[in-house]
Amino acid sequence: MEERRKAKRMPLRLKLKISELYKQDNVKIENINAPIEVVNISKIGIGFKSESVLPVGYYFNAAINFGGKETIHTVVKIIRSQPMDDRVTMYGCEFVGMAEILSYLFDEYGLKLLEEGVQI
């Protein structure tokens, strides 16, 4: 099967909490407090799972740290959801407006994983 992804997914275990979602037309959902578990990341976006039901097409702010000094502050758009079971849904998201210069952080993280023997 031909790989269609624009960037390699790398495993990442990170827990975040979404406090609000918004759309470009000033629609806002506040006080969500939805815990999410990020399971993979790429230069294009993240995959996460949650017990909360989150709407596709909405955005949230995220601060992502790979374990080093630098943290990426970015906007994330939910582009797809897929139920995993009765309680958990897997979400696919893309980064919006992330500066290309930050791509070196993903490269460094990928090298770190390879050094640790993690298959990416």
N, C-alpha and C. Protein backbone atom coordinates (compact mmCIF):
# COMPACT_ATOMS: atom_id res chain seq x y z
N MET A 1 0.84 -1.17 0.00
CA MET A 1 0.00 0.00 0.00
C MET A 1 0.89 1.25 0.00
N GLU A 2 0.59 2.19 -0.82
CA GLU A 2 1.37 3.41 -0.96
C GLU A 2 1.07 4.37 0.19
N GLU A 3 2.14 4.91 0.78
CA GLU A 3 2.00 5.89 1.86
C GLU A 3 1.51 7.22 1.29
N ARG A 4 0.42 7.74 1.81
CA ARG A 4 -0.15 8.99 1.31
C ARG A 4 0.07 10.16 2.25
N ARG A 5 0.67 9.93 3.38
CA ARG A 5 0.87 11.00 4.34
C ARG A 5 1.96 11.96 3.89
N LYS A 6 1.80 13.22 4.24
CA LYS A 6 2.77 14.24 3.88
C LYS A 6 3.99 14.23 4.80
N ALA A 7 3.83 13.68 6.01
CA ALA A 7 4.92 13.64 6.98
C ALA A 7 4.79 12.39 7.84
N LYS A 8 5.93 11.87 8.30
CA LYS A 8 5.93 10.67 9.14
C LYS A 8 5.30 10.97 10.49
N ARG A 9 4.49 10.01 10.95
CA ARG A 9 3.95 10.10 12.30
C ARG A 9 4.98 9.51 13.25
N MET A 10 5.12 10.16 14.38
CA MET A 10 6.03 9.68 15.41
C MET A 10 5.23 9.51 16.71
N PRO A 11 5.52 8.45 17.46
CA PRO A 11 4.80 8.27 18.71
C PRO A 11 5.14 9.38 19.70
N LEU A 12 4.16 9.80 20.45
CA LEU A 12 4.35 10.81 21.47
C LEU A 12 3.30 10.57 22.54
N ARG A 13 3.72 10.49 23.77
CA ARG A 13 2.78 10.33 24.88
C ARG A 13 2.75 11.64 25.64
N LEU A 14 1.62 12.31 25.54
CA LEU A 14 1.47 13.63 26.13
C LEU A 14 0.02 13.81 26.51
N LYS A 15 -0.22 14.28 27.70
CA LYS A 15 -1.60 14.54 28.13
C LYS A 15 -1.83 16.04 28.15
N LEU A 16 -2.92 16.47 27.55
CA LEU A 16 -3.30 17.87 27.49
C LEU A 16 -4.75 18.00 27.93
N LYS A 17 -5.18 19.21 28.15
CA LYS A 17 -6.59 19.46 28.46
C LYS A 17 -7.05 20.60 27.56
N ILE A 18 -8.14 20.36 26.84
CA ILE A 18 -8.74 21.40 26.00
C ILE A 18 -9.76 22.14 26.86
N SER A 19 -9.57 23.45 27.00
CA SER A 19 -10.51 24.22 27.82
C SER A 19 -11.55 24.94 26.98
N GLU A 20 -11.20 25.25 25.70
CA GLU A 20 -12.20 25.87 24.82
C GLU A 20 -11.89 25.55 23.37
N LEU A 21 -12.95 25.53 22.59
CA LEU A 21 -12.86 25.32 21.15
C LEU A 21 -13.46 26.53 20.46
N TYR A 22 -13.01 26.81 19.26
CA TYR A 22 -13.59 27.93 18.53
C TYR A 22 -13.56 27.66 17.04
N LYS A 23 -14.39 28.39 16.32
CA LYS A 23 -14.44 28.36 14.87
C LYS A 23 -14.10 29.74 14.35
N GLN A 24 -13.77 29.84 13.08
CA GLN A 24 -13.37 31.12 12.52
C GLN A 24 -14.48 32.16 12.53
N ASP A 25 -15.72 31.74 12.55
CA ASP A 25 -16.83 32.70 12.54
C ASP A 25 -17.25 33.11 13.95
N ASN A 26 -16.28 33.14 14.88
CA ASN A 26 -16.47 33.58 16.26
C ASN A 26 -17.40 32.70 17.08
N VAL A 27 -17.64 31.48 16.66
CA VAL A 27 -18.38 30.52 17.47
C VAL A 27 -17.39 29.94 18.47
N LYS A 28 -17.76 29.96 19.74
CA LYS A 28 -16.84 29.52 20.78
C LYS A 28 -17.56 28.58 21.73
N ILE A 29 -16.88 27.50 22.11
CA ILE A 29 -17.39 26.57 23.13
C ILE A 29 -16.40 26.65 24.29
N GLU A 30 -16.88 27.11 25.44
CA GLU A 30 -16.00 27.31 26.59
C GLU A 30 -16.27 26.29 27.68
N ASN A 31 -15.36 26.25 28.65
CA ASN A 31 -15.47 25.39 29.83
C ASN A 31 -15.63 23.91 29.47
N ILE A 32 -14.86 23.47 28.49
CA ILE A 32 -14.93 22.07 28.06
C ILE A 32 -14.21 21.16 29.04
N ASN A 33 -12.97 21.53 29.38
CA ASN A 33 -12.12 20.71 30.26
C ASN A 33 -12.07 19.26 29.82
N ALA A 34 -11.78 19.07 28.52
CA ALA A 34 -11.71 17.74 27.94
C ALA A 34 -10.27 17.23 27.99
N PRO A 35 -10.01 16.21 28.81
CA PRO A 35 -8.66 15.64 28.81
C PRO A 35 -8.43 14.85 27.52
N ILE A 36 -7.24 15.02 26.94
CA ILE A 36 -6.89 14.28 25.74
C ILE A 36 -5.53 13.64 25.94
N GLU A 37 -5.30 12.54 25.23
CA GLU A 37 -4.00 11.87 25.25
C GLU A 37 -3.47 11.88 23.82
N VAL A 38 -2.40 12.65 23.60
CA VAL A 38 -1.76 12.70 22.29
C VAL A 38 -1.02 11.37 22.11
N VAL A 39 -1.25 10.71 20.97
CA VAL A 39 -0.61 9.42 20.71
C VAL A 39 0.41 9.48 19.59
N ASN A 40 0.29 10.46 18.69
CA ASN A 40 1.31 10.62 17.66
C ASN A 40 1.35 12.05 17.18
N ILE A 41 2.47 12.38 16.54
CA ILE A 41 2.68 13.74 16.07
C ILE A 41 3.49 13.68 14.78
N SER A 42 3.29 14.68 13.94
CA SER A 42 4.10 14.85 12.73
C SER A 42 4.26 16.34 12.52
N LYS A 43 5.00 16.71 11.50
CA LYS A 43 5.15 18.13 11.18
C LYS A 43 3.83 18.75 10.76
N ILE A 44 2.88 17.92 10.37
CA ILE A 44 1.59 18.38 9.87
C ILE A 44 0.53 18.49 10.97
N GLY A 45 0.58 17.60 11.98
CA GLY A 45 -0.47 17.62 13.00
C GLY A 45 -0.28 16.58 14.07
N ILE A 46 -1.35 16.34 14.83
CA ILE A 46 -1.33 15.38 15.92
C ILE A 46 -2.53 14.43 15.82
N GLY A 47 -2.36 13.28 16.44
CA GLY A 47 -3.46 12.35 16.65
C GLY A 47 -3.65 12.20 18.14
N PHE A 48 -4.88 12.26 18.60
CA PHE A 48 -5.12 12.09 20.03
C PHE A 48 -6.41 11.33 20.25
N LYS A 49 -6.54 10.80 21.46
CA LYS A 49 -7.78 10.14 21.83
C LYS A 49 -8.35 10.80 23.07
N SER A 50 -9.67 10.72 23.18
CA SER A 50 -10.37 11.36 24.29
C SER A 50 -11.70 10.67 24.52
N GLU A 51 -12.16 10.73 25.76
CA GLU A 51 -13.50 10.26 26.08
C GLU A 51 -14.53 11.34 25.80
N SER A 52 -14.07 12.56 25.57
CA SER A 52 -14.97 13.68 25.27
C SER A 52 -15.34 13.67 23.79
N VAL A 53 -16.55 14.10 23.48
CA VAL A 53 -16.99 14.23 22.10
C VAL A 53 -16.67 15.66 21.67
N LEU A 54 -15.81 15.79 20.67
CA LEU A 54 -15.37 17.11 20.20
C LEU A 54 -15.78 17.27 18.74
N PRO A 55 -16.23 18.46 18.35
CA PRO A 55 -16.72 18.65 16.99
C PRO A 55 -15.58 18.83 15.97
N VAL A 56 -15.74 18.19 14.83
CA VAL A 56 -14.81 18.35 13.71
C VAL A 56 -14.98 19.75 13.15
N GLY A 57 -13.86 20.35 12.71
CA GLY A 57 -13.91 21.68 12.14
C GLY A 57 -13.62 22.80 13.13
N TYR A 58 -13.47 22.44 14.40
CA TYR A 58 -13.17 23.44 15.43
C TYR A 58 -11.67 23.47 15.71
N TYR A 59 -11.23 24.56 16.33
CA TYR A 59 -9.82 24.81 16.62
C TYR A 59 -9.60 24.89 18.13
N PHE A 60 -8.35 24.62 18.54
CA PHE A 60 -7.95 24.90 19.92
C PHE A 60 -6.48 25.25 19.95
N ASN A 61 -6.06 25.91 21.02
CA ASN A 61 -4.67 26.29 21.20
C ASN A 61 -3.95 25.17 21.95
N ALA A 62 -2.70 24.88 21.54
CA ALA A 62 -1.93 23.83 22.18
C ALA A 62 -0.51 24.29 22.42
N ALA A 63 0.06 23.82 23.52
CA ALA A 63 1.47 24.02 23.83
C ALA A 63 2.08 22.63 23.89
N ILE A 64 3.01 22.33 22.99
CA ILE A 64 3.58 20.99 22.86
C ILE A 64 5.08 21.05 23.15
N ASN A 65 5.53 20.17 24.05
CA ASN A 65 6.93 20.09 24.40
C ASN A 65 7.40 18.66 24.22
N PHE A 66 8.53 18.47 23.53
CA PHE A 66 9.07 17.15 23.28
C PHE A 66 9.99 16.68 24.40
N GLY A 67 10.03 17.39 25.51
CA GLY A 67 10.88 17.00 26.63
C GLY A 67 12.13 17.86 26.74
N GLY A 68 12.27 18.84 25.88
CA GLY A 68 13.43 19.73 25.91
C GLY A 68 13.07 21.09 26.45
N LYS A 69 13.87 22.07 26.08
CA LYS A 69 13.66 23.44 26.56
C LYS A 69 12.57 24.17 25.80
N GLU A 70 12.40 23.84 24.53
CA GLU A 70 11.49 24.61 23.68
C GLU A 70 10.09 24.02 23.65
N THR A 71 9.11 24.90 23.68
CA THR A 71 7.70 24.52 23.59
C THR A 71 7.11 25.17 22.35
N ILE A 72 6.35 24.39 21.60
CA ILE A 72 5.67 24.90 20.41
C ILE A 72 4.27 25.35 20.82
N HIS A 73 3.97 26.61 20.56
CA HIS A 73 2.61 27.13 20.79
C HIS A 73 1.96 27.24 19.41
N THR A 74 0.86 26.53 19.23
CA THR A 74 0.25 26.48 17.91
C THR A 74 -1.27 26.37 18.02
N VAL A 75 -1.92 26.61 16.91
CA VAL A 75 -3.36 26.39 16.78
C VAL A 75 -3.54 25.04 16.09
N VAL A 76 -4.49 24.27 16.57
CA VAL A 76 -4.75 22.93 16.06
C VAL A 76 -6.20 22.87 15.59
N LYS A 77 -6.41 22.31 14.39
CA LYS A 77 -7.77 22.15 13.86
C LYS A 77 -8.13 20.67 13.85
N ILE A 78 -9.28 20.34 14.42
CA ILE A 78 -9.77 18.96 14.41
C ILE A 78 -10.34 18.69 13.01
N ILE A 79 -9.75 17.71 12.30
CA ILE A 79 -10.19 17.44 10.93
C ILE A 79 -10.92 16.12 10.76
N ARG A 80 -10.79 15.21 11.74
CA ARG A 80 -11.55 13.96 11.64
C ARG A 80 -11.67 13.31 13.02
N SER A 81 -12.69 12.48 13.15
CA SER A 81 -12.89 11.71 14.39
C SER A 81 -13.34 10.31 14.00
N GLN A 82 -12.93 9.35 14.84
CA GLN A 82 -13.29 7.96 14.59
C GLN A 82 -13.48 7.26 15.93
N PRO A 83 -14.69 6.78 16.22
CA PRO A 83 -14.90 6.07 17.48
C PRO A 83 -14.03 4.82 17.55
N MET A 84 -13.38 4.63 18.72
CA MET A 84 -12.56 3.44 18.93
C MET A 84 -13.37 2.37 19.66
N ASP A 85 -14.20 2.81 20.59
CA ASP A 85 -15.09 1.92 21.33
C ASP A 85 -16.22 2.79 21.90
N ASP A 86 -16.96 2.26 22.85
CA ASP A 86 -18.10 3.00 23.40
C ASP A 86 -17.70 4.27 24.14
N ARG A 87 -16.46 4.35 24.61
CA ARG A 87 -16.05 5.48 25.45
C ARG A 87 -15.03 6.40 24.79
N VAL A 88 -14.18 5.88 23.92
CA VAL A 88 -13.03 6.64 23.42
C VAL A 88 -13.15 6.91 21.92
N THR A 89 -12.80 8.14 21.54
CA THR A 89 -12.77 8.53 20.12
C THR A 89 -11.36 8.96 19.77
N MET A 90 -10.90 8.56 18.59
CA MET A 90 -9.60 8.98 18.07
C MET A 90 -9.82 10.17 17.16
N TYR A 91 -9.00 11.21 17.31
CA TYR A 91 -9.12 12.44 16.53
C TYR A 91 -7.84 12.68 15.73
N GLY A 92 -8.02 13.19 14.54
CA GLY A 92 -6.90 13.63 13.71
C GLY A 92 -6.98 15.13 13.57
N CYS A 93 -5.84 15.79 13.75
CA CYS A 93 -5.80 17.24 13.73
C CYS A 93 -4.62 17.73 12.90
N GLU A 94 -4.75 18.96 12.40
CA GLU A 94 -3.65 19.57 11.67
C GLU A 94 -3.25 20.87 12.35
N PHE A 95 -1.95 21.17 12.27
CA PHE A 95 -1.47 22.45 12.79
C PHE A 95 -1.85 23.54 11.81
N VAL A 96 -2.23 24.69 12.34
CA VAL A 96 -2.63 25.82 11.51
C VAL A 96 -1.66 26.97 11.77
N GLY A 97 -1.01 27.42 10.73
CA GLY A 97 -0.15 28.60 10.83
C GLY A 97 1.13 28.41 11.63
N MET A 98 1.62 27.17 11.74
CA MET A 98 2.86 26.96 12.46
C MET A 98 4.03 27.42 11.58
N ALA A 99 4.96 28.12 12.16
CA ALA A 99 6.12 28.61 11.42
C ALA A 99 6.98 27.44 10.94
N GLU A 100 7.34 27.46 9.67
CA GLU A 100 8.16 26.40 9.07
C GLU A 100 9.49 26.24 9.79
N ILE A 101 9.99 27.30 10.36
CA ILE A 101 11.28 27.25 11.05
C ILE A 101 11.27 26.28 12.23
N LEU A 102 10.09 25.99 12.77
CA LEU A 102 9.98 25.07 13.90
C LEU A 102 10.10 23.60 13.50
N SER A 103 10.17 23.32 12.20
CA SER A 103 10.25 21.92 11.76
C SER A 103 11.48 21.20 12.28
N TYR A 104 12.55 21.95 12.62
CA TYR A 104 13.75 21.31 13.15
C TYR A 104 13.46 20.58 14.46
N LEU A 105 12.48 21.07 15.25
CA LEU A 105 12.13 20.40 16.49
C LEU A 105 11.59 18.99 16.23
N PHE A 106 10.83 18.83 15.16
CA PHE A 106 10.30 17.52 14.79
C PHE A 106 11.43 16.62 14.31
N ASP A 107 12.37 17.18 13.55
CA ASP A 107 13.52 16.41 13.07
C ASP A 107 14.35 15.91 14.25
N GLU A 108 14.61 16.79 15.21
CA GLU A 108 15.39 16.41 16.38
C GLU A 108 14.67 15.34 17.20
N TYR A 109 13.36 15.47 17.33
CA TYR A 109 12.59 14.48 18.07
C TYR A 109 12.64 13.12 17.35
N GLY A 110 12.53 13.13 16.02
CA GLY A 110 12.62 11.90 15.25
C GLY A 110 13.97 11.22 15.42
N LEU A 111 15.05 11.99 15.41
CA LEU A 111 16.40 11.44 15.63
C LEU A 111 16.53 10.85 17.02
N LYS A 112 15.97 11.54 18.00
CA LYS A 112 16.00 11.04 19.38
C LYS A 112 15.29 9.69 19.48
N LEU A 113 14.12 9.57 18.83
CA LEU A 113 13.40 8.30 18.84
C LEU A 113 14.21 7.19 18.20
N LEU A 114 14.84 7.49 17.07
CA LEU A 114 15.67 6.48 16.39
C LEU A 114 16.83 6.03 17.27
N GLU A 115 17.46 6.98 17.97
CA GLU A 115 18.55 6.64 18.89
C GLU A 115 18.07 5.75 20.01
N GLU A 116 16.83 5.90 20.42
CA GLU A 116 16.24 5.08 21.48
C GLU A 116 15.72 3.74 20.94
N GLY A 117 15.83 3.54 19.62
CA GLY A 117 15.38 2.28 19.03
C GLY A 117 13.91 2.23 18.73
N VAL A 118 13.23 3.36 18.71
CA VAL A 118 11.79 3.40 18.42
C VAL A 118 11.60 3.43 16.91
N GLN A 119 10.77 2.55 16.41
CA GLN A 119 10.45 2.49 14.99
C GLN A 119 9.47 3.59 14.63
N ILE A 120 9.86 4.44 13.64
CA ILE A 120 8.95 5.49 13.21
C ILE A 120 8.64 5.34 11.74
